């Protein structure tokens, strides 16, 4: 997915050492979303929780767009022309609908509910995303993962994985699909470049669960449907609850009489400073400018996407801002 903002904010993200405190009642930071038009004939709206000014990363997770349920007959659905990426992986996860993916690695694939597609664009990749004609309701998330310095020039790659549905704990009315990392006895075989967790959890009416998690990880809980409490903090639809490191167990409760669904994302704090602008992750303003120039000149760095039939051949890069990037820090969180 592309960041289609015409004046994207430059972000310089620095690692933080989060102090560890009382893990019995961890502090929960609530991050609300902001509306961003994605594109399409009538600009399908998405809800963006990361990056924001008060927090740029959760582990290596650096971008979270949440969209739908979206009636494509009203919004026109998703139609994102070929666009570039560097220094990151994109992860697509759908709850309903279908998206056609094409990229310059030669991959032509469908994104379907409950099936994970993970594209690596370290040195450079381009791709397009279009909701299919059969789609009536489009609903899902698009996630980005920043690549560490040792892998930020990784070659193009694409991984597809369909996780099985398992009970998250004996006796609990909670089902889990683990698409990255390990949780509740499930382990994903998908290769990542830093320690990570990604899982979908569906909680039955008024269900509650305590999930054992890695104390080296920080975690985010994104609510898709329902109202869910993370410890004693209520999270509504499209809100992201953040928990810092040092917490051995996450307590989740569905406060509604219907099912609730959340995404649980985690990872070790990203120990490097990165720069994000538009669809690029780099390490300096100069690198970002080089990536933009390479895309505008149709450099081999990004390759070519074949088969896209949209109105424009490729997304043009926005103009770089005049100001240089200023350092940004996530606020420390005590747990």
C-alpha atoms as a PDB file:
ATOM      1  CA  UNK A   1       0.000   0.000   0.000  1.00  0.00           C
ATOM      2  CA  UNK A   2       1.169   3.490  -0.781  1.00  0.00           C
ATOM      3  CA  UNK A   3       1.137   6.524   1.448  1.00  0.00           C
ATOM      4  CA  UNK A   4      -0.866   8.705  -0.941  1.00  0.00           C
ATOM      5  CA  UNK A   5      -0.591  11.931   1.056  1.00  0.00           C
ATOM      6  CA  UNK A   6       0.566  14.743  -1.218  1.00  0.00           C
ATOM      7  CA  UNK A   7       2.638  16.332   1.548  1.00  0.00           C
ATOM      8  CA  UNK A   8       3.821  13.423   3.716  1.00  0.00           C
ATOM      9  CA  UNK A   9       5.495  14.338   6.989  1.00  0.00           C
ATOM     10  CA  UNK A  10       9.139  13.411   7.361  1.00  0.00           C
ATOM     11  CA  UNK A  11       9.768  11.313  10.452  1.00  0.00           C
ATOM     12  CA  UNK A  12      13.090  10.650  12.093  1.00  0.00           C
ATOM     13  CA  UNK A  13      12.637   7.860  14.600  1.00  0.00           C
ATOM     14  CA  UNK A  14      15.103   7.160  17.403  1.00  0.00           C
ATOM     15  CA  UNK A  15      15.243   4.049  19.615  1.00  0.00           C
ATOM     16  CA  UNK A  16      14.140   4.346  23.221  1.00  0.00           C
ATOM     17  CA  UNK A  17      15.106   2.383  26.314  1.00  0.00           C
ATOM     18  CA  UNK A  18      11.776   1.906  28.070  1.00  0.00           C
ATOM     19  CA  UNK A  19      12.079   1.546  31.854  1.00  0.00           C
ATOM     20  CA  UNK A  20      10.469  -1.464  33.492  1.00  0.00           C
ATOM     21  CA  UNK A  21       8.255  -0.958  36.532  1.00  0.00           C
ATOM     22  CA  UNK A  22       5.146  -2.632  37.943  1.00  0.00           C
ATOM     23  CA  UNK A  23       4.128  -5.293  35.407  1.00  0.00           C
ATOM     24  CA  UNK A  24       0.931  -6.171  37.297  1.00  0.00           C
ATOM     25  CA  UNK A  25      -0.787  -2.955  36.157  1.00  0.00           C
ATOM     26  CA  UNK A  26       1.155  -1.788  33.120  1.00  0.00           C
ATOM     27  CA  UNK A  27       0.612   1.671  31.765  1.00  0.00           C
ATOM     28  CA  UNK A  28      -1.440   1.562  28.558  1.00  0.00           C
ATOM     29  CA  UNK A  29      -0.917   4.341  26.043  1.00  0.00           C
ATOM     30  CA  UNK A  30      -3.970   4.859  23.830  1.00  0.00           C
ATOM     31  CA  UNK A  31      -3.211   5.961  20.263  1.00  0.00           C
ATOM     32  CA  UNK A  32      -6.162   7.214  18.250  1.00  0.00           C
ATOM     33  CA  UNK A  33      -6.259   7.103  14.463  1.00  0.00           C
ATOM     34  CA  UNK A  34      -6.321   9.897  11.927  1.00  0.00           C
ATOM     35  CA  UNK A  35      -8.229   9.747   8.646  1.00  0.00           C
ATOM     36  CA  UNK A  36      -6.183   9.575   5.426  1.00  0.00           C
ATOM     37  CA  UNK A  37      -7.655   9.286   1.890  1.00  0.00           C
ATOM     38  CA  UNK A  38      -6.129   6.286   0.133  1.00  0.00           C
ATOM     39  CA  UNK A  39      -7.178   6.828  -3.454  1.00  0.00           C
ATOM     40  CA  UNK A  40      -9.631   5.341  -5.900  1.00  0.00           C
ATOM     41  CA  UNK A  41     -12.299   7.272  -7.814  1.00  0.00           C
ATOM     42  CA  UNK A  42     -13.866   8.624  -4.621  1.00  0.00           C
ATOM     43  CA  UNK A  43     -10.879   8.374  -2.224  1.00  0.00           C
ATOM     44  CA  UNK A  44     -11.382   5.379   0.061  1.00  0.00           C
ATOM     45  CA  UNK A  45     -10.636   6.545   3.619  1.00  0.00           C
ATOM     46  CA  UNK A  46      -8.245   4.677   5.904  1.00  0.00           C
ATOM     47  CA  UNK A  47      -7.524   5.105   9.617  1.00  0.00           C
ATOM     48  CA  UNK A  48      -3.818   5.532  10.407  1.00  0.00           C
ATOM     49  CA  UNK A  49      -2.524   4.837  13.914  1.00  0.00           C
ATOM     50  CA  UNK A  50       1.198   4.606  13.126  1.00  0.00           C
ATOM     51  CA  UNK A  51       3.280   6.631  12.598  1.00  0.00           C
ATOM     52  CA  UNK A  52       2.099   9.513  14.763  1.00  0.00           C
ATOM     53  CA  UNK A  53       3.907  12.310  16.525  1.00  0.00           C
ATOM     54  CA  UNK A  54       3.750  10.699  19.931  1.00  0.00           C
ATOM     55  CA  UNK A  55       4.829   7.235  18.743  1.00  0.00           C
ATOM     56  CA  UNK A  56       6.545   6.154  15.549  1.00  0.00           C
ATOM     57  CA  UNK A  57       7.260   2.454  16.072  1.00  0.00           C
ATOM     58  CA  UNK A  58       6.190  -0.632  17.994  1.00  0.00           C
ATOM     59  CA  UNK A  59       9.108  -2.995  17.575  1.00  0.00           C
ATOM     60  CA  UNK A  60       9.829  -2.819  13.847  1.00  0.00           C
ATOM     61  CA  UNK A  61       6.159  -2.067  13.055  1.00  0.00           C
ATOM     62  CA  UNK A  62       6.283   1.451  11.626  1.00  0.00           C
ATOM     63  CA  UNK A  63       3.004   1.901   9.725  1.00  0.00           C
ATOM     64  CA  UNK A  64      -0.560   0.762  10.466  1.00  0.00           C
ATOM     65  CA  UNK A  65      -3.466   1.554   8.148  1.00  0.00           C
ATOM     66  CA  UNK A  66      -6.884   0.161   9.101  1.00  0.00           C
ATOM     67  CA  UNK A  67      -9.758   0.378   6.622  1.00  0.00           C
ATOM     68  CA  UNK A  68     -13.362  -0.718   6.198  1.00  0.00           C
ATOM     69  CA  UNK A  69     -15.811  -2.271   6.289  1.00  0.00           C
ATOM     70  CA  UNK A  70     -15.916  -0.288   3.063  1.00  0.00           C
ATOM     71  CA  UNK A  71     -18.720  -0.509   0.496  1.00  0.00           C
ATOM     72  CA  UNK A  72     -16.753  -0.346  -2.745  1.00  0.00           C
ATOM     73  CA  UNK A  73     -19.863   0.687  -4.681  1.00  0.00           C
ATOM     74  CA  UNK A  74     -19.741   3.942  -2.724  1.00  0.00           C
ATOM     75  CA  UNK A  75     -16.000   4.591  -2.403  1.00  0.00           C
ATOM     76  CA  UNK A  76     -14.732   2.895  -5.545  1.00  0.00           C
ATOM     77  CA  UNK A  77     -12.570   0.533  -3.497  1.00  0.00           C
ATOM     78  CA  UNK A  78      -8.812   0.314  -3.679  1.00  0.00           C
ATOM     79  CA  UNK A  79      -6.846   1.221  -6.791  1.00  0.00           C
ATOM     80  CA  UNK A  80      -3.241   2.095  -5.973  1.00  0.00           C
ATOM     81  CA  UNK A  81      -1.019   2.439  -9.032  1.00  0.00           C
ATOM     82  CA  UNK A  82       2.584   1.122  -9.042  1.00  0.00           C
ATOM     83  CA  UNK A  83       4.619   2.863  -6.358  1.00  0.00           C
ATOM     84  CA  UNK A  84       8.046   2.291  -4.759  1.00  0.00           C
ATOM     85  CA  UNK A  85       9.348   1.066  -1.396  1.00  0.00           C
ATOM     86  CA  UNK A  86      12.780   0.869   0.206  1.00  0.00           C
ATOM     87  CA  UNK A  87      14.049  -0.392   3.549  1.00  0.00           C
ATOM     88  CA  UNK A  88      10.850  -2.121   4.621  1.00  0.00           C
ATOM     89  CA  UNK A  89       8.440  -5.017   4.338  1.00  0.00           C
ATOM     90  CA  UNK A  90       4.725  -4.595   3.650  1.00  0.00           C
ATOM     91  CA  UNK A  91       2.224  -6.993   5.208  1.00  0.00           C
ATOM     92  CA  UNK A  92      -1.353  -7.264   3.938  1.00  0.00           C
ATOM     93  CA  UNK A  93      -4.097  -8.783   6.107  1.00  0.00           C
ATOM     94  CA  UNK A  94      -7.776  -8.821   5.105  1.00  0.00           C
ATOM     95  CA  UNK A  95     -10.984  -9.469   7.046  1.00  0.00           C
ATOM     96  CA  UNK A  96     -13.199  -9.326   3.939  1.00  0.00           C
ATOM     97  CA  UNK A  97     -12.834  -8.657   0.223  1.00  0.00           C
ATOM     98  CA  UNK A  98      -9.994  -9.429  -2.156  1.00  0.00           C
ATOM     99  CA  UNK A  99      -7.027  -7.416  -3.477  1.00  0.00           C
ATOM    100  CA  UNK A 100      -4.929  -8.128  -6.559  1.00  0.00           C
ATOM    101  CA  UNK A 101      -1.207  -7.628  -5.947  1.00  0.00           C
ATOM    102  CA  UNK A 102       1.439  -7.188  -8.652  1.00  0.00           C
ATOM    103  CA  UNK A 103       5.088  -6.306  -8.050  1.00  0.00           C
ATOM    104  CA  UNK A 104       8.422  -5.828  -9.795  1.00  0.00           C
ATOM    105  CA  UNK A 105       9.670  -9.150  -8.389  1.00  0.00           C
ATOM    106  CA  UNK A 106       7.290 -10.733 -10.894  1.00  0.00           C
ATOM    107  CA  UNK A 107       4.703 -11.773  -8.296  1.00  0.00           C
ATOM    108  CA  UNK A 108       1.017 -11.721  -9.176  1.00  0.00           C
ATOM    109  CA  UNK A 109      -1.029 -12.772  -6.157  1.00  0.00           C
ATOM    110  CA  UNK A 110      -4.398 -12.337  -4.487  1.00  0.00           C
ATOM    111  CA  UNK A 111      -4.777 -11.054  -0.945  1.00  0.00           C
ATOM    112  CA  UNK A 112      -7.659 -12.863   0.763  1.00  0.00           C
ATOM    113  CA  UNK A 113      -9.088 -12.929   4.302  1.00  0.00           C
ATOM    114  CA  UNK A 114      -6.958 -14.860   6.763  1.00  0.00           C
ATOM    115  CA  UNK A 115      -4.035 -15.139   4.337  1.00  0.00           C
ATOM    116  CA  UNK A 116      -0.844 -13.182   4.937  1.00  0.00           C
ATOM    117  CA  UNK A 117       1.167 -11.644   2.104  1.00  0.00           C
ATOM    118  CA  UNK A 118       4.568 -10.236   3.105  1.00  0.00           C
ATOM    119  CA  UNK A 119       6.563  -8.323   0.484  1.00  0.00           C
ATOM    120  CA  UNK A 120      10.193  -7.351   1.042  1.00  0.00           C
ATOM    121  CA  UNK A 121      11.434  -4.175  -0.594  1.00  0.00           C
ATOM    122  CA  UNK A 122      14.848  -3.580   0.934  1.00  0.00           C
ATOM    123  CA  UNK A 123      17.006  -2.246  -1.906  1.00  0.00           C
ATOM    124  CA  UNK A 124      13.900  -1.305  -3.852  1.00  0.00           C
ATOM    125  CA  UNK A 125      10.632  -2.720  -5.133  1.00  0.00           C
ATOM    126  CA  UNK A 126       7.466  -1.420  -6.792  1.00  0.00           C
ATOM    127  CA  UNK A 127       3.937  -2.825  -6.565  1.00  0.00           C
ATOM    128  CA  UNK A 128       0.279  -2.105  -7.257  1.00  0.00           C
ATOM    129  CA  UNK A 129      -2.860  -3.025  -5.300  1.00  0.00           C
ATOM    130  CA  UNK A 130      -6.400  -3.162  -6.687  1.00  0.00           C
ATOM    131  CA  UNK A 131      -9.573  -4.524  -5.120  1.00  0.00           C
ATOM    132  CA  UNK A 132     -11.107  -7.132  -7.413  1.00  0.00           C
ATOM    133  CA  UNK A 133     -14.463  -6.763  -9.241  1.00  0.00           C
ATOM    134  CA  UNK A 134     -15.902  -9.530  -7.059  1.00  0.00           C
ATOM    135  CA  UNK A 135     -15.280  -7.480  -3.902  1.00  0.00           C
ATOM    136  CA  UNK A 136     -18.327  -5.799  -2.368  1.00  0.00           C
ATOM    137  CA  UNK A 137     -17.022  -5.011   1.130  1.00  0.00           C
ATOM    138  CA  UNK A 138     -13.317  -4.270   1.643  1.00  0.00           C
ATOM    139  CA  UNK A 139     -12.001  -4.510   5.192  1.00  0.00           C
ATOM    140  CA  UNK A 140      -8.475  -5.042   6.459  1.00  0.00           C
ATOM    141  CA  UNK A 141      -5.131  -3.603   7.491  1.00  0.00           C
ATOM    142  CA  UNK A 142      -1.883  -2.723   5.761  1.00  0.00           C
ATOM    143  CA  UNK A 143       1.252  -2.887   7.902  1.00  0.00           C
ATOM    144  CA  UNK A 144       4.866  -1.911   7.316  1.00  0.00           C
ATOM    145  CA  UNK A 145       7.970  -3.291   9.014  1.00  0.00           C
ATOM    146  CA  UNK A 146      11.201  -1.310   9.095  1.00  0.00           C
ATOM    147  CA  UNK A 147      14.224  -3.405   8.128  1.00  0.00           C
ATOM    148  CA  UNK A 148      17.295  -3.240  10.387  1.00  0.00           C
ATOM    149  CA  UNK A 149      20.538  -1.922   8.946  1.00  0.00           C
ATOM    150  CA  UNK A 150      21.855  -5.437   8.296  1.00  0.00           C
ATOM    151  CA  UNK A 151      18.890  -6.161   5.993  1.00  0.00           C
ATOM    152  CA  UNK A 152      17.782  -2.800   4.654  1.00  0.00           C
ATOM    153  CA  UNK A 153      19.238  -3.561   1.219  1.00  0.00           C
ATOM    154  CA  UNK A 154      17.684  -7.043   1.143  1.00  0.00           C
ATOM    155  CA  UNK A 155      16.612  -8.254  -2.308  1.00  0.00           C
ATOM    156  CA  UNK A 156      13.003  -8.351  -3.443  1.00  0.00           C
ATOM    157  CA  UNK A 157      10.973 -11.174  -1.948  1.00  0.00           C
ATOM    158  CA  UNK A 158       7.386 -12.274  -1.378  1.00  0.00           C
ATOM    159  CA  UNK A 159       6.041 -14.737   1.214  1.00  0.00           C
ATOM    160  CA  UNK A 160       2.497 -16.104   1.445  1.00  0.00           C
ATOM    161  CA  UNK A 161       1.225 -17.892   4.552  1.00  0.00           C
ATOM    162  CA  UNK A 162      -2.194 -19.135   5.698  1.00  0.00           C
ATOM    163  CA  UNK A 163      -2.160 -19.603   9.487  1.00  0.00           C
ATOM    164  CA  UNK A 164      -4.516 -22.097  11.051  1.00  0.00           C
ATOM    165  CA  UNK A 165      -7.126 -21.021  13.577  1.00  0.00           C
ATOM    166  CA  UNK A 166      -6.496 -22.327  17.105  1.00  0.00           C
ATOM    167  CA  UNK A 167      -7.913 -21.664  20.564  1.00  0.00           C
ATOM    168  CA  UNK A 168      -5.698 -19.084  22.228  1.00  0.00           C
ATOM    169  CA  UNK A 169      -5.974 -20.872  25.588  1.00  0.00           C
ATOM    170  CA  UNK A 170      -7.777 -23.929  26.979  1.00  0.00           C
ATOM    171  CA  UNK A 171     -11.305 -23.022  28.032  1.00  0.00           C
ATOM    172  CA  UNK A 172     -11.129 -19.470  26.681  1.00  0.00           C
ATOM    173  CA  UNK A 173     -13.588 -18.323  24.034  1.00  0.00           C
ATOM    174  CA  UNK A 174     -10.766 -16.768  22.033  1.00  0.00           C
ATOM    175  CA  UNK A 175      -9.434 -17.878  18.642  1.00  0.00           C
ATOM    176  CA  UNK A 176      -5.999 -16.942  17.308  1.00  0.00           C
ATOM    177  CA  UNK A 177      -4.303 -16.812  13.928  1.00  0.00           C
ATOM    178  CA  UNK A 178      -0.565 -16.232  14.315  1.00  0.00           C
ATOM    179  CA  UNK A 179       0.948 -14.911  11.085  1.00  0.00           C
ATOM    180  CA  UNK A 180       4.318 -13.780  12.487  1.00  0.00           C
ATOM    181  CA  UNK A 181       6.316 -15.007  15.472  1.00  0.00           C
ATOM    182  CA  UNK A 182       5.035 -17.177  18.323  1.00  0.00           C
ATOM    183  CA  UNK A 183       1.957 -16.921  20.533  1.00  0.00           C
ATOM    184  CA  UNK A 184      -0.217 -19.359  22.482  1.00  0.00           C
ATOM    185  CA  UNK A 185       1.726 -22.388  21.249  1.00  0.00           C
ATOM    186  CA  UNK A 186       1.560 -21.366  17.583  1.00  0.00           C
ATOM    187  CA  UNK A 187       4.629 -20.416  15.560  1.00  0.00           C
ATOM    188  CA  UNK A 188       4.670 -18.891  12.087  1.00  0.00           C
ATOM    189  CA  UNK A 189       7.310 -20.191   9.642  1.00  0.00           C
ATOM    190  CA  UNK A 190       7.562 -16.791   7.930  1.00  0.00           C
ATOM    191  CA  UNK A 191      11.057 -15.283   7.853  1.00  0.00           C
ATOM    192  CA  UNK A 192      11.532 -11.892   9.513  1.00  0.00           C
ATOM    193  CA  UNK A 193      14.615  -9.740  10.023  1.00  0.00           C
ATOM    194  CA  UNK A 194      13.970  -8.837  13.679  1.00  0.00           C
ATOM    195  CA  UNK A 195      12.045 -10.508  16.536  1.00  0.00           C
ATOM    196  CA  UNK A 196       8.335  -9.909  15.855  1.00  0.00           C
ATOM    197  CA  UNK A 197       4.804 -10.951  16.700  1.00  0.00           C
ATOM    198  CA  UNK A 198       1.672 -10.585  14.571  1.00  0.00           C
ATOM    199  CA  UNK A 199      -1.652 -12.284  15.346  1.00  0.00           C
ATOM    200  CA  UNK A 200      -5.397 -11.901  14.863  1.00  0.00           C
ATOM    201  CA  UNK A 201      -7.515 -12.634  17.950  1.00  0.00           C
ATOM    202  CA  UNK A 202     -11.284 -13.105  17.920  1.00  0.00           C
ATOM    203  CA  UNK A 203     -12.875 -12.869  21.363  1.00  0.00           C
ATOM    204  CA  UNK A 204     -16.316 -14.310  22.006  1.00  0.00           C
ATOM    205  CA  UNK A 205     -19.001 -12.275  23.835  1.00  0.00           C
ATOM    206  CA  UNK A 206     -17.640 -11.082  27.199  1.00  0.00           C
ATOM    207  CA  UNK A 207     -14.611 -13.362  26.767  1.00  0.00           C
ATOM    208  CA  UNK A 208     -11.434 -12.675  28.708  1.00  0.00           C
ATOM    209  CA  UNK A 209      -7.928 -14.047  28.325  1.00  0.00           C
ATOM    210  CA  UNK A 210      -4.455 -13.645  29.783  1.00  0.00           C
ATOM    211  CA  UNK A 211      -1.802 -14.176  27.120  1.00  0.00           C
ATOM    212  CA  UNK A 212       1.796 -14.982  27.983  1.00  0.00           C
ATOM    213  CA  UNK A 213       4.117 -12.779  25.914  1.00  0.00           C
ATOM    214  CA  UNK A 214       7.835 -12.124  25.570  1.00  0.00           C
ATOM    215  CA  UNK A 215       9.005  -9.594  28.176  1.00  0.00           C
ATOM    216  CA  UNK A 216      11.606  -8.274  25.719  1.00  0.00           C
ATOM    217  CA  UNK A 217       8.815  -7.152  23.389  1.00  0.00           C
ATOM    218  CA  UNK A 218       6.733  -4.022  23.337  1.00  0.00           C
ATOM    219  CA  UNK A 219       3.175  -4.622  22.130  1.00  0.00           C
ATOM    220  CA  UNK A 220       0.283  -2.898  20.422  1.00  0.00           C
ATOM    221  CA  UNK A 221      -3.359  -4.019  20.389  1.00  0.00           C
ATOM    222  CA  UNK A 222      -5.387  -2.634  17.475  1.00  0.00           C
ATOM    223  CA  UNK A 223      -9.157  -3.003  17.853  1.00  0.00           C
ATOM    224  CA  UNK A 224     -10.988  -3.875  14.654  1.00  0.00           C
ATOM    225  CA  UNK A 225     -14.464  -4.558  16.056  1.00  0.00           C
ATOM    226  CA  UNK A 226     -16.006  -4.262  19.497  1.00  0.00           C
ATOM    227  CA  UNK A 227     -14.757  -2.649  22.701  1.00  0.00           C
ATOM    228  CA  UNK A 228     -11.854  -4.430  24.359  1.00  0.00           C
ATOM    229  CA  UNK A 229     -10.064  -3.633  27.594  1.00  0.00           C
ATOM    230  CA  UNK A 230      -6.292  -4.042  27.734  1.00  0.00           C
ATOM    231  CA  UNK A 231      -5.781  -4.488  31.467  1.00  0.00           C
ATOM    232  CA  UNK A 232      -8.089  -1.722  32.777  1.00  0.00           C
ATOM    233  CA  UNK A 233      -7.980   0.519  29.701  1.00  0.00           C
ATOM    234  CA  UNK A 234     -10.907   0.434  27.276  1.00  0.00           C
ATOM    235  CA  UNK A 235     -10.078   0.480  23.559  1.00  0.00           C
ATOM    236  CA  UNK A 236     -12.702   1.178  20.926  1.00  0.00           C
ATOM    237  CA  UNK A 237     -12.680   0.483  17.201  1.00  0.00           C
ATOM    238  CA  UNK A 238      -9.540   1.705  15.401  1.00  0.00           C
ATOM    239  CA  UNK A 239      -7.768   2.568  18.657  1.00  0.00           C
ATOM    240  CA  UNK A 240      -4.310   1.170  19.372  1.00  0.00           C
ATOM    241  CA  UNK A 241      -3.261   0.306  22.902  1.00  0.00           C
ATOM    242  CA  UNK A 242       0.504   0.351  23.509  1.00  0.00           C
ATOM    243  CA  UNK A 243       2.353  -1.553  26.246  1.00  0.00           C
ATOM    244  CA  UNK A 244       6.107  -1.182  26.806  1.00  0.00           C
ATOM    245  CA  UNK A 245       8.672  -3.889  27.531  1.00  0.00           C
ATOM    246  CA  UNK A 246       8.924  -5.932  30.726  1.00  0.00           C
ATOM    247  CA  UNK A 247       5.322  -7.203  30.709  1.00  0.00           C
ATOM    248  CA  UNK A 248       5.011 -11.026  30.881  1.00  0.00           C
ATOM    249  CA  UNK A 249       1.258 -11.267  30.280  1.00  0.00           C
ATOM    250  CA  UNK A 250      -1.404  -9.275  28.431  1.00  0.00           C
ATOM    251  CA  UNK A 251      -4.946  -9.253  29.826  1.00  0.00           C
ATOM    252  CA  UNK A 252      -7.721  -8.747  27.246  1.00  0.00           C
ATOM    253  CA  UNK A 253     -11.490  -8.640  27.823  1.00  0.00           C
ATOM    254  CA  UNK A 254     -14.331  -8.240  25.334  1.00  0.00           C
ATOM    255  CA  UNK A 255     -16.787  -5.804  26.948  1.00  0.00           C
ATOM    256  CA  UNK A 256     -19.571  -6.439  24.428  1.00  0.00           C
ATOM    257  CA  UNK A 257     -22.214  -9.098  23.865  1.00  0.00           C
ATOM    258  CA  UNK A 258     -20.930  -9.661  20.319  1.00  0.00           C
ATOM    259  CA  UNK A 259     -17.610 -11.014  19.108  1.00  0.00           C
ATOM    260  CA  UNK A 260     -14.663  -8.633  19.095  1.00  0.00           C
ATOM    261  CA  UNK A 261     -11.579  -8.761  16.917  1.00  0.00           C
ATOM    262  CA  UNK A 262      -8.121  -7.313  17.521  1.00  0.00           C
ATOM    263  CA  UNK A 263      -4.669  -7.483  16.014  1.00  0.00           C
ATOM    264  CA  UNK A 264      -1.801  -8.056  18.417  1.00  0.00           C
ATOM    265  CA  UNK A 265       1.519  -6.682  17.163  1.00  0.00           C
ATOM    266  CA  UNK A 266       4.834  -6.835  18.981  1.00  0.00           C
ATOM    267  CA  UNK A 267       8.586  -6.849  18.742  1.00  0.00           C
ATOM    268  CA  UNK A 268      11.793  -5.876  20.467  1.00  0.00           C
ATOM    269  CA  UNK A 269      12.313  -2.089  20.481  1.00  0.00           C
ATOM    270  CA  UNK A 270      13.848  -1.104  17.164  1.00  0.00           C
ATOM    271  CA  UNK A 271      17.413  -0.203  18.093  1.00  0.00           C
ATOM    272  CA  UNK A 272      18.201   2.077  15.162  1.00  0.00           C
ATOM    273  CA  UNK A 273      17.374   5.555  14.013  1.00  0.00           C
ATOM    274  CA  UNK A 274      15.370   5.623  10.785  1.00  0.00           C
ATOM    275  CA  UNK A 275      13.901   8.202   8.461  1.00  0.00           C
ATOM    276  CA  UNK A 276      10.454   7.677   6.933  1.00  0.00           C
ATOM    277  CA  UNK A 277       9.032   9.764   4.113  1.00  0.00           C
ATOM    278  CA  UNK A 278       6.296   8.851   1.640  1.00  0.00           C
ATOM    279  CA  UNK A 279       6.943   5.152   0.821  1.00  0.00           C
ATOM    280  CA  UNK A 280      10.606   5.098   1.757  1.00  0.00           C
ATOM    281  CA  UNK A 281      12.498   4.069   4.882  1.00  0.00           C
ATOM    282  CA  UNK A 282      16.117   5.241   4.996  1.00  0.00           C
ATOM    283  CA  UNK A 283      18.732   6.579   7.355  1.00  0.00           C
ATOM    284  CA  UNK A 284      19.163  10.188   6.227  1.00  0.00           C
ATOM    285  CA  UNK A 285      17.517  13.013   4.340  1.00  0.00           C
ATOM    286  CA  UNK A 286      20.073  12.522   1.563  1.00  0.00           C
ATOM    287  CA  UNK A 287      19.116   8.862   1.137  1.00  0.00           C
ATOM    288  CA  UNK A 288      15.442   9.708   0.887  1.00  0.00           C
ATOM    289  CA  UNK A 289      16.218  12.315  -1.785  1.00  0.00           C
ATOM    290  CA  UNK A 290      18.225   9.717  -3.732  1.00  0.00           C
ATOM    291  CA  UNK A 291      15.331   7.223  -3.578  1.00  0.00           C
ATOM    292  CA  UNK A 292      12.879   9.841  -4.800  1.00  0.00           C
ATOM    293  CA  UNK A 293      15.134  10.789  -7.708  1.00  0.00           C
ATOM    294  CA  UNK A 294      15.600   7.132  -8.652  1.00  0.00           C
ATOM    295  CA  UNK A 295      11.825   6.598  -8.723  1.00  0.00           C
ATOM    296  CA  UNK A 296      11.148   9.709 -10.788  1.00  0.00           C
ATOM    297  CA  UNK A 297      13.847   8.672 -13.291  1.00  0.00           C
ATOM    298  CA  UNK A 298      12.358   5.130 -13.487  1.00  0.00           C
ATOM    299  CA  UNK A 299      15.595   3.612 -12.215  1.00  0.00           C
ATOM    300  CA  UNK A 300      16.252  -0.128 -12.228  1.00  0.00           C
ATOM    301  CA  UNK A 301      16.387   0.122  -8.414  1.00  0.00           C
ATOM    302  CA  UNK A 302      12.602  -0.340  -8.363  1.00  0.00           C
ATOM    303  CA  UNK A 303      11.983  -2.343 -11.525  1.00  0.00           C
ATOM    304  CA  UNK A 304       8.694  -2.478 -13.418  1.00  0.00           C
ATOM    305  CA  UNK A 305       5.219  -3.713 -12.503  1.00  0.00           C
ATOM    306  CA  UNK A 306       3.603  -5.572 -15.397  1.00  0.00           C
ATOM    307  CA  UNK A 307      -0.123  -6.058 -15.906  1.00  0.00           C
ATOM    308  CA  UNK A 308      -1.516  -3.070 -14.002  1.00  0.00           C
ATOM    309  CA  UNK A 309      -4.493  -1.623 -15.925  1.00  0.00           C
ATOM    310  CA  UNK A 310      -5.239   1.574 -14.005  1.00  0.00           C
ATOM    311  CA  UNK A 311      -5.708   5.109 -15.247  1.00  0.00           C
ATOM    312  CA  UNK A 312      -2.101   6.141 -14.552  1.00  0.00           C
ATOM    313  CA  UNK A 313       1.019   4.065 -15.136  1.00  0.00           C
ATOM    314  CA  UNK A 314       2.688   4.887 -11.802  1.00  0.00           C
ATOM    315  CA  UNK A 315       2.309   7.179  -8.808  1.00  0.00           C
ATOM    316  CA  UNK A 316       4.500  10.282  -9.008  1.00  0.00           C
ATOM    317  CA  UNK A 317       6.555  11.097  -5.928  1.00  0.00           C
ATOM    318  CA  UNK A 318       5.494  14.168  -3.939  1.00  0.00           C
ATOM    319  CA  UNK A 319       7.900  17.091  -3.699  1.00  0.00           C
ATOM    320  CA  UNK A 320      10.401  16.897  -0.869  1.00  0.00           C
ATOM    321  CA  UNK A 321       9.843  19.448   1.909  1.00  0.00           C
ATOM    322  CA  UNK A 322      12.282  22.318   2.195  1.00  0.00           C
ATOM    323  CA  UNK A 323      13.206  21.611   5.806  1.00  0.00           C
ATOM    324  CA  UNK A 324      15.594  18.856   6.827  1.00  0.00           C
ATOM    325  CA  UNK A 325      14.474  16.048   9.067  1.00  0.00           C
ATOM    326  CA  UNK A 326      14.501  16.751  12.790  1.00  0.00           C
ATOM    327  CA  UNK A 327      15.084  14.029  15.408  1.00  0.00           C
ATOM    328  CA  UNK A 328      11.978  12.421  16.885  1.00  0.00           C
ATOM    329  CA  UNK A 329      11.692  10.244  19.971  1.00  0.00           C
ATOM    330  CA  UNK A 330       9.000   7.922  21.275  1.00  0.00           C
ATOM    331  CA  UNK A 331       8.036   8.969  24.808  1.00  0.00           C
ATOM    332  CA  UNK A 332       9.280   6.586  27.545  1.00  0.00           C
ATOM    333  CA  UNK A 333       6.660   4.306  29.059  1.00  0.00           C
ATOM    334  CA  UNK A 334       6.998   2.800  32.532  1.00  0.00           C
ATOM    335  CA  UNK A 335       5.586  -0.634  33.185  1.00  0.00           C
END
